[in-house]
Protein backbone atom coordinates (compact mmCIF):
# COMPACT_ATOMS: atom_id res chain seq x y z
CA MET A 1 75.26 54.82 -12.24
CA ALA A 2 73.07 52.68 -14.03
CA TYR A 3 71.11 53.96 -17.40
CA LEU A 4 68.20 52.43 -19.20
CA ASN A 5 67.37 53.60 -22.67
CA ARG A 6 63.98 51.14 -23.86
CA CYS A 7 61.10 52.26 -25.58
CA GLU A 8 58.04 49.72 -26.28
CA PHE A 9 55.02 50.65 -28.56
CA ILE A 10 52.03 48.86 -30.11
CA GLY A 11 51.06 50.69 -32.87
CA ASN A 12 50.14 50.40 -36.36
CA LEU A 13 52.44 51.16 -39.48
CA GLY A 14 51.83 53.88 -41.44
CA ALA A 15 53.28 53.33 -44.69
CA ASN A 16 54.93 50.35 -45.87
CA PRO A 17 58.86 49.93 -44.98
CA GLU A 18 61.40 51.92 -46.50
CA SER A 19 64.87 50.32 -47.45
CA VAL A 20 67.53 53.32 -47.09
CA ASN A 21 70.30 51.10 -47.70
CA LYS A 22 74.17 52.43 -46.63
CA GLY A 23 76.94 49.97 -48.07
CA ASP A 24 76.47 46.15 -47.56
CA MET A 25 74.31 46.50 -44.32
CA PRO A 26 69.99 46.38 -45.10
CA VAL A 27 68.77 49.56 -43.12
CA VAL A 28 64.78 50.30 -42.96
CA LYS A 29 62.52 52.96 -41.84
CA LEU A 30 59.32 52.69 -40.37
CA SER A 31 56.73 55.00 -39.06
CA VAL A 32 54.44 53.74 -36.55
CA ALA A 33 51.31 55.43 -35.34
CA VAL A 34 50.52 54.97 -31.51
CA THR A 35 47.20 55.93 -30.11
CA PHE A 36 46.70 56.23 -25.96
CA GLN A 37 42.81 56.76 -25.33
CA GLY A 38 41.64 59.98 -25.47
CA LYS A 39 44.96 61.40 -26.63
CA PRO A 40 46.27 62.56 -30.19
CA THR A 41 47.81 59.57 -32.27
CA ILE A 42 51.72 59.83 -31.72
CA TRP A 43 54.09 59.10 -34.81
CA THR A 44 57.22 57.14 -34.12
CA LYS A 45 60.07 57.49 -36.58
CA TRP A 46 62.06 54.05 -35.98
CA LYS A 47 65.57 52.44 -37.92
CA LEU A 48 65.81 49.04 -38.36
CA PHE A 49 69.25 47.02 -39.14
CA ASP A 50 70.29 43.84 -40.82
CA LYS A 51 68.12 40.97 -40.37
CA GLN A 52 65.00 43.03 -38.59
CA ALA A 53 65.50 45.41 -41.93
CA ILE A 54 64.93 42.18 -44.00
CA PHE A 55 62.06 40.92 -42.03
CA ALA A 56 60.20 44.07 -42.42
CA LEU A 57 60.75 44.46 -46.02
CA LYS A 58 59.65 40.75 -46.14
CA TYR A 59 56.69 40.46 -43.60
CA LEU A 60 55.70 44.09 -43.03
CA LYS A 61 52.91 46.29 -44.99
CA SER A 62 51.10 49.69 -43.96
CA GLY A 63 48.53 48.90 -41.70
CA ASP A 64 49.92 46.03 -40.10
CA SER A 65 49.66 46.39 -35.64
CA VAL A 66 53.05 45.71 -34.44
CA TYR A 67 55.27 45.50 -31.31
CA ILE A 68 58.62 47.17 -31.77
CA SER A 69 61.08 47.91 -29.22
CA GLY A 70 64.35 49.78 -28.94
CA ARG A 71 65.88 52.64 -27.88
CA TYR A 72 65.71 56.44 -28.20
CA GLU A 73 68.41 58.67 -29.82
CA CYS A 74 67.69 62.62 -30.49
CA ASP A 75 69.20 64.49 -33.56
CA LYS A 76 70.52 67.77 -32.86
CA THR A 77 69.82 70.70 -35.81
CA GLU A 78 72.09 73.69 -35.14
CA ARG A 79 70.40 77.43 -35.97
CA GLY A 80 70.75 80.65 -36.09
CA GLU A 81 73.22 82.64 -33.09
CA ASN A 82 70.53 83.44 -30.77
CA GLU A 83 68.15 80.28 -31.76
CA LEU A 84 67.66 76.98 -29.57
CA PRO A 85 68.65 74.02 -31.66
CA LEU A 86 66.07 71.66 -33.32
CA LEU A 87 65.82 68.33 -31.79
CA TRP A 88 64.36 65.40 -33.65
CA PRO A 89 63.74 62.12 -32.10
CA LYS A 90 64.20 58.81 -33.42
CA PHE A 91 64.34 55.18 -32.18
CA VAL A 92 66.29 52.35 -33.12
CA ALA A 93 64.80 49.20 -33.22
CA ASP A 94 66.23 45.78 -31.87
CA SER A 95 63.16 43.73 -32.07
CA VAL A 96 60.21 44.11 -34.32
CA GLN A 97 57.03 41.76 -34.08
CA LYS A 98 53.90 41.40 -36.35
CA ILE A 99 50.95 41.42 -33.97
CA GLY A 100 48.20 41.70 -36.86
CA SER A 101 47.15 42.45 -40.17
CA SER A 102 45.49 45.48 -41.54
CA LYS A 103 42.06 44.11 -43.34
CA LYS A 104 43.48 45.64 -46.34
CA ASN A 105 46.18 42.99 -46.75
CA SER A 106 44.19 39.88 -44.79
CA ASN A 107 40.60 39.24 -44.28
CA ALA A 108 41.59 38.40 -41.02
CA GLU A 109 41.01 40.86 -38.09
CA ILE A 110 43.59 42.27 -35.94
CA GLU A 111 44.52 39.71 -33.10
CA PHE A 112 46.78 40.80 -30.93
CA VAL A 113 48.14 38.15 -28.60
CA LYS A 114 50.08 38.28 -25.19
CA PRO A 115 53.01 35.35 -24.68
CA THR A 116 52.60 33.23 -21.57
CA SER A 117 55.99 34.57 -20.19
CA THR A 118 58.61 36.71 -20.54
CA HIS A 119 61.16 34.03 -21.96
CA GLN A 120 57.84 32.55 -24.19
CA LYS A 121 56.61 33.90 -27.05
CA SER A 122 53.23 33.26 -28.85
CA PRO A 123 54.09 30.82 -32.54
CA ILE A 124 52.10 33.31 -34.41
CA GLN A 125 54.57 36.24 -33.42
CA GLU A 126 57.86 36.49 -35.39
CA THR A 127 60.93 37.90 -33.33
CA ILE A 128 64.32 38.45 -35.37
CA PRO A 129 67.21 39.61 -32.81
CA MET A 130 69.33 41.85 -34.44
CA ALA A 131 72.37 40.93 -35.37
CA ALA A 132 74.24 43.69 -35.39
CA TYR A 133 74.43 47.37 -34.56
CA ASN A 134 75.86 49.97 -37.21
CA GLU A 135 78.30 51.79 -35.19
CA ASP A 136 77.74 54.76 -37.84
CA PHE A 137 74.42 55.44 -37.50
CA ASN A 138 74.86 58.78 -37.20
CA SER A 139 76.38 59.47 -40.69
CA LEU A 140 73.08 58.07 -42.12
CA PRO A 141 71.00 60.36 -44.07
CA ASP A 142 68.10 62.24 -41.64
CA GLU A 143 67.00 65.08 -43.85
CA ASN A 144 63.52 64.27 -43.40
CA TYR A 145 63.79 62.36 -40.35
């Protein structure tokens, strides 16, 4: 049986990217606010590795609009004997694109850009494919994640 674990969001960064490097590989945490019509804002927590992390630190700021995609993971925290464990959702990004800047970061209005096809991206979109994935992801500190 085939499985698919893919999540794609367009939202705004809630804060500047936070560097949480572990060893030689750059690691960055992002918080992305996603709003649906008539629904409350949902905050999603993301981790980026390697070139994606470098891109985020260099080009992304609080309030920027981004398209971000990756996979869903869940951490489990055990509680007492008769209590259900707590599950903490998280996402691991494999692609991040800056699609607009906040007004405090730029004088330009936020402009959403739709690719002309699935294989061709607009020249103002910046995408850096993830070069490597750290299999030791679960050993990273996630106390408040």
